[in-house]
C-alpha cells in the first residue's frame, strides 16, 4: 500500500485482515489510512473499530488524537458528536457534557446546528434542570445571534438577546452586547426608524446606573446618545428628561438645569417645557416656574393647556389677580387650539372664587363668539346651581333656555335645537310645573323622512337618499302662506271630483280615452308651491 490507493482499497485491506482476526495488522493499516486520507469519517471509523473490539481506552485516545490533529481551525461537529456519543455509551455523561461544551465554544455558530441538537437530546436524557436550561439558553442565544447577523437593525431581536444575556449576569458580556447593539445606527434620518433604537440607549444607561452601579459610565452613555441624535431634524424629549433626572438623582442640580436649558435652546418642545416646569415645582422654585411658563407661552401661545396650568399654579400660590390676568390674556389670543377648554377653566375658576357675576359675564362674552348648544346648556346649569338670595335661579335658568331656543332657531341649527328642547323638557319635568312643561312640549318637533338628491363633488347627480328632518311647530306658525295653500288644495280636490266623473262618462260614450283635466294641473302647481 505504499503507492497510497483510494479509500476503497484501504477499507478492503482492513476487512481482509479482520476476516483472519489479525487485529494488530488491521490497527496498523488504520494508522496509515488516517494519515494518507485525513478525513473525519476515517478517524471515526478507526475509533469505532477499537470500540467494537473492546479497546475503550484506545478508542478514547483516537478521538483525542483526532481533535488535536484537526486543531481549532478544522474542527468538525461530526467528530465531536461521535466522541460525545462514545462517552455516553460508556456512561461517562460528564465527559460527554464537557465535549459538547468545548465544541460549542470553538466551532463557529453557522456550523454547529446538529451539535446543538445532539447536546439538547443528551441533556434531556441525562442532565439535571440547570443543564437543560443552559442548553436552551445557548440555543436561544445562537438563534438571536443569527438574527442580528442577518439583520443588524432588527432591534426587537437585540432586545431579546440583551434580556437573555442579562439573565446570565455576566457584566462584560452584557456591556459587549449593548455596545454591539447601539453600534447599529439607523441608516435613515426618519424618526420612526429611531424610535426602537433609542430604547437600546435608555436600557443601557439604566443598566449601568441601577444594575452595574457605575454612575460615570451611565453619564457617558447619556451624553453619547444625545450627541448622536440629529436634533436639527428631530429629537427625543424623553432622553433629555431622563438625563436631567439622572443628574438630579446624583445631586447634581446645576448640571440638570444646564441640560434642560440646552435642550430648550437646541430643540424646544412642549414635553421639554412641561418636564422642566415639573422639576422646578418639585424643587419649590416657583419664580423659575413663572419664567419657564412665560418662555413656554412665547414658544406656543396657542396652547390652551399651558395657559390653564399657568393660571392654576398662580391660584395654588394664592395670587388670584395674577391668575385672572393670565386667563384674560389667554382668551384674547387670536388663535387657540382648544378654546372651549380654556373658557370652561376660566368660568370654573370664577365659580370657585365665588364670583357669580363675573362667571355670568364670561358666559355672555362666550355667547358673543359662539352659539353652540353645549354652551347654552352649561349656562343654564350654571344659573340653576348658582346661589341667589331671593331664589330666582330657576327663572334665570328658564330664561337662558328661552334665549337659547330663539338663538338656535335664528341660526337654523335643528339638531342642536332638538338637544336643547330635550334638556329643557327634563328641566321642567324635574323642577317646573305642568303649565311650563306643556309649553315646552308644544315646541317639540316631529321627525319626518325626506328624499334628497345625492350630488358628487364634481356636480354629478348620483341618485337619491333618504334623510330625516325635524319640523318645529314654531316654524310652521310663522309661515301662514303654507296653511293657505294647503286649504286651497283641499277645496280644489272637493270641487274636481264630480267634474271628473261627468267628463269620464261622456268620453266613454263617445269611445274616447279620458284626458287629464286642467284642474289636476292646477293641483300640481299648488303642490309645487307648497
Protein backbone atom coordinates (compact mmCIF):
# COMPACT_ATOMS: atom_id res chain seq x y z
CA UNK A 1 0.00 0.00 0.00
CA UNK A 2 2.99 2.30 -0.33
CA UNK A 3 1.58 3.80 -3.52
CA UNK A 4 -1.39 5.20 -1.48
CA UNK A 5 -4.51 3.99 -3.32
CA UNK A 6 -8.03 5.36 -2.80
CA UNK A 7 -10.22 4.78 0.25
CA UNK A 8 -11.91 1.64 -1.02
CA UNK A 9 -8.62 -0.20 -1.35
CA UNK A 10 -7.67 0.61 2.22
CA UNK A 11 -11.05 -0.48 3.52
CA UNK A 12 -10.82 -3.76 1.58
CA UNK A 13 -7.38 -4.42 3.01
CA UNK A 14 -8.66 -3.80 6.58
CA UNK A 15 -11.64 -6.10 6.09
CA UNK A 16 -9.27 -8.79 4.74
CA UNK A 17 -7.18 -8.69 7.90
CA UNK A 18 -10.28 -8.69 10.10
CA UNK A 19 -11.57 -11.86 8.46
CA UNK A 20 -8.43 -13.61 9.67
CA UNK A 21 -8.72 -11.87 13.08
CA UNK A 22 -5.47 -10.00 12.61
CA UNK A 23 -6.43 -7.05 14.81
CA UNK A 24 -2.91 -5.69 15.18
CA UNK A 25 -2.42 -5.70 11.42
CA UNK A 26 -5.80 -4.01 10.93
CA UNK A 27 -4.88 -1.39 13.57
CA UNK A 28 -1.57 -0.74 11.81
CA UNK A 29 -3.39 -0.29 8.49
CA UNK A 30 -5.87 2.16 10.11
CA UNK A 31 -2.94 4.19 11.43
CA UNK A 32 -1.54 4.54 7.92
CA UNK A 33 -5.04 5.04 6.44
CA UNK A 34 -5.94 8.11 8.57
CA UNK A 35 -2.62 9.70 7.72
CA UNK A 36 -2.91 9.13 3.99
CA UNK A 37 -6.61 10.15 3.87
CA UNK A 38 -7.06 12.54 6.85
CA UNK A 39 -10.82 12.78 6.82
CA UNK A 40 -13.07 12.99 9.90
CA UNK A 41 -15.13 9.98 8.89
CA UNK A 42 -11.99 7.82 8.70
CA UNK A 43 -10.92 8.82 12.20
CA UNK A 44 -14.42 7.99 13.44
CA UNK A 45 -14.25 4.56 11.75
CA UNK A 46 -10.88 3.93 13.37
CA UNK A 47 -12.25 4.82 16.83
CA UNK A 48 -15.34 2.66 16.32
CA UNK A 49 -13.08 -0.22 15.27
CA UNK A 50 -11.34 -0.03 18.65
CA UNK A 51 -14.65 0.37 20.49
CA UNK A 52 -16.29 -2.59 18.77
CA UNK A 53 -13.39 -4.84 19.75
CA UNK A 54 -13.47 -3.72 23.38
CA UNK A 55 -10.46 -1.41 23.38
CA UNK A 56 -12.20 1.52 25.12
CA UNK A 57 -9.09 3.41 26.17
CA UNK A 58 -7.63 3.09 22.68
CA UNK A 59 -10.86 4.41 21.16
CA UNK A 60 -10.84 7.40 23.53
CA UNK A 61 -7.21 8.17 22.68
CA UNK A 62 -8.02 8.03 18.96
CA UNK A 63 -10.80 10.60 19.41
CA UNK A 64 -8.45 12.82 21.40
CA UNK A 65 -5.73 12.46 18.75
CA UNK A 66 -8.27 13.40 16.08
CA UNK A 67 -9.22 16.58 17.94
CA UNK A 68 -5.55 17.54 18.24
CA UNK A 69 -4.88 16.57 14.62
CA UNK A 70 -7.52 18.87 13.14
CA UNK A 71 -6.84 21.75 15.55
CA UNK A 72 -9.14 24.71 16.19
CA UNK A 73 -9.37 25.78 12.55
CA UNK A 74 -10.53 22.48 11.03
CA UNK A 75 -12.92 21.32 13.75
CA UNK A 76 -15.92 19.34 12.56
CA UNK A 77 -19.11 18.81 14.52
CA UNK A 78 -19.34 15.20 13.32
CA UNK A 79 -16.16 14.31 15.22
CA UNK A 80 -17.40 15.80 18.49
CA UNK A 81 -20.86 14.26 18.15
CA UNK A 82 -19.28 10.83 17.66
CA UNK A 83 -16.86 11.42 20.54
CA UNK A 84 -19.66 12.53 22.89
CA UNK A 85 -21.88 9.59 21.95
CA UNK A 86 -18.94 7.26 22.62
CA UNK A 87 -18.61 8.67 26.14
CA UNK A 88 -22.38 8.49 26.54
CA UNK A 89 -22.29 4.78 25.69
CA UNK A 90 -19.62 4.32 28.36
CA UNK A 91 -21.92 6.06 30.92
CA UNK A 92 -19.44 8.93 31.12
CA UNK A 93 -22.05 11.69 30.94
CA UNK A 94 -19.85 14.36 32.48
CA UNK A 95 -17.19 13.69 29.86
CA UNK A 96 -19.83 13.89 27.12
CA UNK A 97 -21.11 17.20 28.50
CA UNK A 98 -17.60 18.67 28.56
CA UNK A 99 -17.05 17.57 24.95
CA UNK A 100 -20.28 19.21 23.82
CA UNK A 101 -19.48 22.48 25.60
CA UNK A 102 -15.94 22.54 24.25
CA UNK A 103 -17.23 22.02 20.72
CA UNK A 104 -19.92 24.69 21.06
CA UNK A 105 -17.33 27.19 22.26
CA UNK A 106 -14.84 26.51 19.45
CA UNK A 107 -16.94 25.68 16.38
CA UNK A 108 -18.48 28.67 14.54
CA UNK A 109 -22.19 29.18 15.09
CA UNK A 110 -23.10 28.55 11.48
CA UNK A 111 -21.58 25.04 11.55
CA UNK A 112 -22.91 23.55 14.78
CA UNK A 113 -26.66 23.10 14.28
CA UNK A 114 -26.53 19.32 14.59
CA UNK A 115 -24.21 19.68 17.56
CA UNK A 116 -26.80 21.80 19.38
CA UNK A 117 -29.47 19.25 18.61
CA UNK A 118 -27.35 16.35 19.92
CA UNK A 119 -26.40 18.31 23.04
CA UNK A 120 -30.06 19.11 23.74
CA UNK A 121 -31.06 15.46 23.41
CA UNK A 122 -28.22 14.40 25.72
CA UNK A 123 -29.19 16.90 28.42
CA UNK A 124 -32.85 15.95 28.23
CA UNK A 125 -31.86 12.33 28.78
CA UNK A 126 -29.14 12.61 31.40
CA UNK A 127 -28.87 16.23 32.56
CA UNK A 128 -30.41 18.00 35.53
CA UNK A 129 -32.66 21.03 35.36
CA UNK A 130 -29.83 23.56 35.26
CA UNK A 131 -28.12 21.66 32.47
CA UNK A 132 -31.27 21.59 30.39
CA UNK A 133 -31.78 25.32 30.95
CA UNK A 134 -28.20 26.01 29.86
CA UNK A 135 -28.80 24.12 26.66
CA UNK A 136 -31.99 26.01 25.94
CA UNK A 137 -30.33 29.34 26.71
CA UNK A 138 -27.40 28.57 24.45
CA UNK A 139 -29.75 27.54 21.69
CA UNK A 140 -31.72 30.78 22.02
CA UNK A 141 -28.51 32.79 22.06
CA UNK A 142 -27.47 31.11 18.86
CA UNK A 143 -30.85 31.88 17.30
CA UNK A 144 -30.68 35.57 18.29
CA UNK A 145 -27.09 35.77 17.11
CA UNK A 146 -28.16 34.54 13.69
CA UNK A 147 -31.00 37.06 13.54
CA UNK A 148 -28.84 40.07 14.38
CA UNK A 149 -26.16 38.95 11.94
CA UNK A 150 -28.69 38.67 9.12
CA UNK A 151 -30.38 41.99 10.02
CA UNK A 152 -28.30 44.22 12.34
CA UNK A 153 -31.12 46.81 12.58
CA UNK A 154 -33.62 44.27 13.91
CA UNK A 155 -33.83 45.99 17.29
CA UNK A 156 -36.51 43.66 18.64
CA UNK A 157 -34.06 40.78 18.25
CA UNK A 158 -31.40 42.84 20.04
CA UNK A 159 -33.79 43.49 22.93
CA UNK A 160 -34.48 39.77 23.31
CA UNK A 161 -30.80 38.95 23.00
CA UNK A 162 -29.80 41.52 25.64
CA UNK A 163 -32.52 40.34 28.01
CA UNK A 164 -31.22 36.79 27.68
CA UNK A 165 -27.63 37.88 28.33
CA UNK A 166 -28.69 39.99 31.34
CA UNK A 167 -30.26 36.93 32.94
CA UNK A 168 -26.84 35.25 32.91
CA UNK A 169 -25.39 38.14 34.92
CA UNK A 170 -22.00 38.44 33.20
CA UNK A 171 -21.29 42.19 33.21
CA UNK A 172 -18.67 42.09 30.46
CA UNK A 173 -20.92 40.08 28.15
CA UNK A 174 -23.84 42.40 28.83
CA UNK A 175 -21.82 45.51 28.07
CA UNK A 176 -20.36 43.93 24.96
CA UNK A 177 -23.84 43.05 23.72
CA UNK A 178 -25.13 46.57 24.40
CA UNK A 179 -22.16 48.08 22.57
CA UNK A 180 -22.75 45.83 19.58
CA UNK A 181 -26.44 46.76 19.55
CA UNK A 182 -26.04 50.55 19.74
CA UNK A 183 -23.38 50.45 17.03
CA UNK A 184 -26.14 49.69 14.50
CA UNK A 185 -27.34 53.26 13.94
CA UNK A 186 -30.47 53.52 11.74
CA UNK A 187 -29.44 54.36 8.17
CA UNK A 188 -32.30 56.83 7.70
CA UNK A 189 -32.84 60.19 9.41
CA UNK A 190 -36.55 59.47 9.70
CA UNK A 191 -37.66 59.49 13.33
CA UNK A 192 -39.85 56.40 13.03
CA UNK A 193 -36.72 54.30 12.40
CA UNK A 194 -35.12 55.66 15.57
CA UNK A 195 -37.99 55.04 17.98
CA UNK A 196 -36.96 51.48 18.82
CA UNK A 197 -33.24 52.17 18.54
CA UNK A 198 -33.28 54.91 21.18
CA UNK A 199 -34.57 52.47 23.80
CA UNK A 200 -31.34 50.49 23.46
CA UNK A 201 -29.54 53.56 24.81
CA UNK A 202 -32.14 54.07 27.54
CA UNK A 203 -31.88 50.46 28.71
CA UNK A 204 -28.09 50.63 28.55
CA UNK A 205 -27.98 53.76 30.72
CA UNK A 206 -30.44 52.32 33.24
CA UNK A 207 -28.44 49.10 33.43
CA UNK A 208 -25.21 50.97 34.15
CA UNK A 209 -26.90 53.10 36.81
CA UNK A 210 -29.09 50.54 38.57
CA UNK A 211 -27.50 47.14 37.98
CA UNK A 212 -23.81 47.81 37.40
CA UNK A 213 -23.93 50.90 39.69
CA UNK A 214 -21.40 52.69 37.51
CA UNK A 215 -22.57 56.32 37.57
CA UNK A 216 -19.77 57.70 35.40
CA UNK A 217 -20.39 55.13 32.71
CA UNK A 218 -24.15 55.81 32.80
CA UNK A 219 -23.48 59.55 32.39
CA UNK A 220 -21.25 58.83 29.42
CA UNK A 221 -23.98 56.71 27.83
CA UNK A 222 -26.48 59.57 28.14
CA UNK A 223 -24.06 62.13 26.69
CA UNK A 224 -23.03 59.92 23.78
CA UNK A 225 -26.65 59.24 22.91
CA UNK A 226 -27.57 62.95 22.94
CA UNK A 227 -24.59 63.72 20.72
CA UNK A 228 -25.70 61.05 18.26
CA UNK A 229 -29.31 62.24 17.81
CA UNK A 230 -29.72 64.68 14.86
CA UNK A 231 -31.52 67.40 16.85
CA UNK A 232 -31.89 69.72 13.86
CA UNK A 233 -34.13 67.13 12.20
CA UNK A 234 -35.83 65.59 15.25
CA UNK A 235 -35.16 64.95 18.90
CA UNK A 236 -36.28 62.74 21.77
CA UNK A 237 -37.52 64.76 24.72
CA UNK A 238 -37.61 61.61 26.81
CA UNK A 239 -33.83 61.27 26.54
CA UNK A 240 -33.19 64.86 27.67
CA UNK A 241 -35.55 64.49 30.62
CA UNK A 242 -34.11 61.15 31.70
CA UNK A 243 -30.60 62.58 31.65
CA UNK A 244 -31.71 65.56 33.74
CA UNK A 245 -33.48 63.29 36.23
CA UNK A 246 -30.35 61.15 36.41
CA UNK A 247 -28.28 64.22 37.35
CA UNK A 248 -30.87 65.15 39.98
CA UNK A 249 -30.54 61.67 41.49
CA UNK A 250 -26.80 62.22 41.53
CA UNK A 251 -27.46 65.53 43.40
CA UNK A 252 -26.01 67.50 40.52
CA UNK A 253 -28.84 70.02 40.17
CA UNK A 254 -26.76 72.57 38.28
CA UNK A 255 -25.96 70.09 35.52
CA UNK A 256 -29.61 69.02 35.31
CA UNK A 257 -30.76 72.61 34.75
CA UNK A 258 -27.95 73.18 32.29
CA UNK A 259 -29.01 70.11 30.33
CA UNK A 260 -32.66 71.13 30.13
CA UNK A 261 -31.73 74.70 29.24
CA UNK A 262 -29.52 73.44 26.43
CA UNK A 263 -32.35 71.20 25.23
CA UNK A 264 -34.77 74.15 25.08
CA UNK A 265 -32.18 76.18 23.21
CA UNK A 266 -31.42 73.49 20.63
CA UNK A 267 -34.81 71.87 20.09
CA UNK A 268 -37.69 73.36 22.13
CA UNK A 269 -40.64 71.01 22.60
CA UNK A 270 -43.81 71.08 24.71
CA UNK A 271 -42.73 67.96 26.58
CA UNK A 272 -39.38 69.52 27.48
CA UNK A 273 -41.03 72.66 28.86
CA UNK A 274 -43.51 70.63 30.89
CA UNK A 275 -40.79 68.36 32.25
CA UNK A 276 -38.59 71.30 33.22
CA UNK A 277 -41.52 73.06 34.93
CA UNK A 278 -42.48 69.91 36.84
CA UNK A 279 -38.89 69.62 38.05
CA UNK A 280 -38.88 73.19 39.35
CA UNK A 281 -42.27 72.70 41.01
CA UNK A 282 -40.91 69.66 42.85
CA UNK A 283 -37.97 71.79 43.96
CA UNK A 284 -40.40 74.57 45.04
CA UNK A 285 -38.68 77.09 42.76
CA UNK A 286 -41.85 78.97 41.78
CA UNK A 287 -40.10 82.05 40.40
CA UNK A 288 -38.26 79.81 37.97
CA UNK A 289 -41.61 78.21 37.09
CA UNK A 290 -43.06 81.61 36.20
CA UNK A 291 -40.11 82.38 33.94
CA UNK A 292 -40.41 79.00 32.25
CA UNK A 293 -44.15 79.45 31.70
CA UNK A 294 -43.51 82.82 30.09
CA UNK A 295 -40.94 81.27 27.76
CA UNK A 296 -43.30 78.38 27.08
CA UNK A 297 -46.14 80.73 26.10
CA UNK A 298 -43.82 82.74 23.87
CA UNK A 299 -42.95 79.48 22.14
CA UNK A 300 -46.58 78.30 21.79
CA UNK A 301 -49.18 80.98 22.61
CA UNK A 302 -51.99 78.89 21.10
CA UNK A 303 -51.56 76.09 23.67
CA UNK A 304 -54.59 76.35 25.96
CA UNK A 305 -53.35 73.71 28.39
CA UNK A 306 -50.27 75.81 29.11
CA UNK A 307 -52.38 78.89 29.90
CA UNK A 308 -54.59 76.81 32.19
CA UNK A 309 -51.65 75.23 34.03
CA UNK A 310 -50.03 78.64 34.50
CA UNK A 311 -53.23 80.10 35.94
CA UNK A 312 -53.73 77.06 38.19
CA UNK A 313 -50.19 77.49 39.53
CA UNK A 314 -50.90 81.11 40.44
CA UNK A 315 -54.18 80.05 42.05
CA UNK A 316 -52.37 77.49 44.20
CA UNK A 317 -49.89 80.16 45.20
CA UNK A 318 -52.79 82.41 46.26
CA UNK A 319 -52.25 85.13 43.65
CA UNK A 320 -55.83 85.34 42.36
CA UNK A 321 -55.41 88.62 40.48
CA UNK A 322 -52.43 87.27 38.58
CA UNK A 323 -54.37 84.10 37.69
CA UNK A 324 -57.33 86.16 36.45
CA UNK A 325 -55.00 88.33 34.37
CA UNK A 326 -53.48 85.21 32.80
CA UNK A 327 -56.93 83.96 31.83
CA UNK A 328 -57.82 87.35 30.34
CA UNK A 329 -54.69 87.39 28.22
CA UNK A 330 -55.37 83.82 27.14
CA UNK A 331 -58.95 84.35 25.92
CA UNK A 332 -57.82 87.35 23.87
CA UNK A 333 -55.34 85.31 21.85
CA UNK A 334 -56.17 85.33 18.12
CA UNK A 335 -55.61 81.59 17.74
CA UNK A 336 -56.18 78.81 20.29
CA UNK A 337 -56.08 75.05 19.86
CA UNK A 338 -58.84 74.23 22.40
CA UNK A 339 -60.72 77.45 23.24
CA UNK A 340 -63.69 75.61 24.77
CA UNK A 341 -61.37 74.06 27.36
CA UNK A 342 -59.86 77.44 28.21
CA UNK A 343 -63.24 79.18 28.63
CA UNK A 344 -64.55 76.35 30.78
CA UNK A 345 -61.49 76.55 33.02
CA UNK A 346 -61.85 80.34 33.29
CA UNK A 347 -65.53 80.05 34.25
CA UNK A 348 -64.80 77.28 36.76
CA UNK A 349 -62.10 79.48 38.25
CA UNK A 350 -64.54 82.35 38.81
CA UNK A 351 -67.15 79.98 40.23
CA UNK A 352 -64.60 78.51 42.64
CA UNK A 353 -63.78 82.04 43.80
CA UNK A 354 -67.49 82.73 44.39
CA UNK A 355 -67.61 85.40 41.66
CA UNK A 356 -71.02 84.52 40.20
CA UNK A 357 -71.47 87.82 38.36
CA UNK A 358 -68.08 87.54 36.71
CA UNK A 359 -68.82 83.98 35.67
CA UNK A 360 -72.15 85.14 34.17
CA UNK A 361 -70.32 87.87 32.27
CA UNK A 362 -67.92 85.27 30.91
CA UNK A 363 -70.83 83.21 29.63
CA UNK A 364 -72.25 86.27 27.90
CA UNK A 365 -68.88 87.05 26.32
CA UNK A 366 -68.56 83.46 25.17
CA UNK A 367 -72.03 83.51 23.60
CA UNK A 368 -70.99 86.53 21.56
CA UNK A 369 -68.40 84.26 19.91
CA UNK A 370 -70.38 81.04 19.58
CA UNK A 371 -73.96 79.79 19.92
CA UNK A 372 -73.06 76.16 20.43
CA UNK A 373 -75.75 74.21 22.25
CA UNK A 374 -73.30 72.93 24.87
CA UNK A 375 -72.51 76.49 25.90
CA UNK A 376 -76.22 77.24 26.38
CA UNK A 377 -76.76 74.05 28.38
CA UNK A 378 -73.77 74.80 30.58
CA UNK A 379 -75.03 78.36 31.08
CA UNK A 380 -78.48 77.11 32.12
CA UNK A 381 -76.96 74.61 34.52
CA UNK A 382 -74.78 77.35 35.98
CA UNK A 383 -77.80 79.60 36.59
CA UNK A 384 -79.72 76.74 38.16
CA UNK A 385 -76.91 75.88 40.58
CA UNK A 386 -75.95 79.47 41.39
CA UNK A 387 -76.73 80.78 44.86
CA UNK A 388 -79.18 83.69 44.89
CA UNK A 389 -80.61 85.45 47.88
CA UNK A 390 -84.18 85.50 46.58
CA UNK A 391 -84.05 82.05 44.95
CA UNK A 392 -84.61 83.22 41.40
CA UNK A 393 -82.16 80.77 39.86
CA UNK A 394 -84.99 78.69 38.32
CA UNK A 395 -86.34 81.70 36.44
CA UNK A 396 -82.83 82.64 35.31
CA UNK A 397 -82.22 79.13 34.01
CA UNK A 398 -85.59 79.13 32.20
CA UNK A 399 -84.74 82.48 30.64
CA UNK A 400 -81.46 81.01 29.35
CA UNK A 401 -83.37 78.14 27.74
CA UNK A 402 -85.73 80.60 26.04
CA UNK A 403 -82.86 82.69 24.73
CA UNK A 404 -81.07 79.58 23.53
CA UNK A 405 -84.15 78.38 21.64
CA UNK A 406 -84.53 81.73 19.88
CA UNK A 407 -80.83 81.88 19.05
CA UNK A 408 -80.66 78.37 17.62
CA UNK A 409 -83.86 78.92 15.64
CA UNK A 410 -82.33 82.01 14.05
CA UNK A 411 -79.13 80.08 13.29
CA UNK A 412 -81.06 77.18 11.72
CA UNK A 413 -79.37 74.56 13.93
CA UNK A 414 -82.15 71.97 14.02
CA UNK A 415 -80.29 69.09 15.67
CA UNK A 416 -78.81 71.37 18.32
CA UNK A 417 -82.25 72.79 18.89
CA UNK A 418 -83.64 69.29 19.47
CA UNK A 419 -80.95 68.63 22.10
CA UNK A 420 -81.80 71.91 23.79
CA UNK A 421 -85.52 71.17 23.89
CA UNK A 422 -84.88 67.71 25.33
CA UNK A 423 -82.77 69.23 28.12
CA UNK A 424 -85.39 71.93 28.65
CA UNK A 425 -88.12 69.29 28.91
CA UNK A 426 -86.12 67.38 31.54
CA UNK A 427 -85.57 70.63 33.42
CA UNK A 428 -89.29 71.44 33.51
CA UNK A 429 -90.16 67.85 34.41
CA UNK A 430 -87.92 67.90 37.47
CA UNK A 431 -88.34 71.48 38.65
CA UNK A 432 -91.08 73.30 36.72
CA UNK A 433 -94.87 73.00 36.80
CA UNK A 434 -97.29 71.41 34.32
CA UNK A 435 -98.06 74.68 32.55
CA UNK A 436 -94.40 75.32 31.76
CA UNK A 437 -93.93 71.71 30.72
CA UNK A 438 -96.87 71.92 28.31
CA UNK A 439 -95.33 74.97 26.67
CA UNK A 440 -92.07 73.12 26.14
CA UNK A 441 -93.86 70.04 24.79
CA UNK A 442 -95.67 72.28 22.33
CA UNK A 443 -92.29 73.33 20.97
CA UNK A 444 -91.07 69.74 20.43
CA UNK A 445 -90.58 68.90 16.73
CA UNK A 446 -91.83 65.94 14.77
CA UNK A 447 -89.44 63.78 12.83
CA UNK A 448 -90.11 63.26 9.11
CA UNK A 449 -88.39 61.33 6.37
CA UNK A 450 -87.42 63.09 3.15
CA UNK A 451 -85.70 62.27 -0.09
CA UNK A 452 -82.91 64.41 -1.46
CA UNK A 453 -80.57 64.22 -4.40
CA UNK A 454 -77.02 62.98 -3.92
CA UNK A 455 -74.58 65.19 -5.80
CA UNK A 456 -70.90 64.29 -6.09
CA UNK A 457 -68.05 66.74 -5.69
CA UNK A 458 -67.92 67.13 -9.45
CA UNK A 459 -71.56 68.22 -9.56
CA UNK A 460 -72.87 64.93 -10.98
CA UNK A 461 -76.16 63.59 -9.65
CA UNK A 462 -75.69 60.10 -8.21
CA UNK A 463 -79.26 59.31 -7.21
CA UNK A 464 -81.46 59.86 -4.19
CA UNK A 465 -81.09 59.20 -0.49
CA UNK A 466 -83.45 59.24 2.46
CA UNK A 467 -82.76 61.70 5.26
CA UNK A 468 -84.54 62.63 8.46
CA UNK A 469 -85.60 66.17 9.15
CA UNK A 470 -87.28 67.96 12.04
CA UNK A 471 -90.34 70.18 11.66
CA UNK A 472 -90.91 72.57 14.55
CA UNK A 473 -94.41 73.91 15.33
CA UNK A 474 -92.99 77.38 15.87
CA UNK A 475 -91.55 77.43 12.36
CA UNK A 476 -94.90 76.44 10.83
CA UNK A 477 -96.73 79.20 12.68
CA UNK A 478 -94.55 81.88 11.11
CA UNK A 479 -95.37 80.61 7.63
CA UNK A 480 -99.17 81.19 7.19
CA UNK A 481 -98.94 81.06 3.39
CA UNK A 482 -98.31 77.33 3.58
CA UNK A 483 -101.53 76.81 5.52
CA UNK A 484 -103.47 78.92 3.00
CA UNK A 485 -102.13 76.91 0.08
CA UNK A 486 -102.93 73.64 1.85
CA UNK A 487 -106.54 74.78 2.43
CA UNK A 488 -106.88 75.82 -1.23
CA UNK A 489 -105.62 72.44 -2.30
CA UNK A 490 -108.20 70.60 -0.20
CA UNK A 491 -111.03 72.80 -1.50
CA UNK A 492 -109.94 72.28 -5.10
CA UNK A 493 -109.93 68.50 -4.68
CA UNK A 494 -113.52 68.57 -3.45
CA UNK A 495 -114.59 70.61 -6.49
CA UNK A 496 -112.76 68.45 -9.03
CA UNK A 497 -114.19 65.04 -8.08
CA UNK A 498 -117.75 65.49 -9.54
CA UNK A 499 -116.43 67.22 -12.69
CA UNK A 500 -114.06 64.31 -13.38
CA UNK A 501 -116.91 61.81 -13.04
CA UNK A 502 -119.13 63.57 -15.62
CA UNK A 503 -116.29 64.08 -18.10
CA UNK A 504 -115.22 60.44 -17.98
CA UNK A 505 -118.78 59.20 -18.57
CA UNK A 506 -119.20 61.44 -21.66
CA UNK A 507 -115.89 60.33 -23.12
CA UNK A 508 -116.70 56.65 -22.58
CA UNK A 509 -119.96 57.08 -24.51
CA UNK A 510 -118.03 58.64 -27.42
CA UNK A 511 -115.30 55.94 -27.19
CA UNK A 512 -112.53 58.40 -26.35
CA UNK A 513 -109.85 57.99 -23.70
CA UNK A 514 -110.35 60.35 -20.78
CA UNK A 515 -107.76 63.11 -20.55
CA UNK A 516 -106.32 64.84 -17.56
CA UNK A 517 -108.47 67.83 -16.65
CA UNK A 518 -106.89 71.23 -16.23
CA UNK A 519 -107.88 71.22 -12.60
CA UNK A 520 -105.32 68.49 -11.82
CA UNK A 521 -102.60 70.61 -13.34
CA UNK A 522 -103.64 73.41 -11.01
CA UNK A 523 -103.42 71.00 -8.08
CA UNK A 524 -99.91 70.05 -9.09
CA UNK A 525 -98.95 73.70 -9.28
CA UNK A 526 -100.33 74.21 -5.79
CA UNK A 527 -98.32 71.22 -4.53
CA UNK A 528 -95.15 72.58 -6.09
CA UNK A 529 -95.73 75.97 -4.47
CA UNK A 530 -96.35 74.35 -1.09
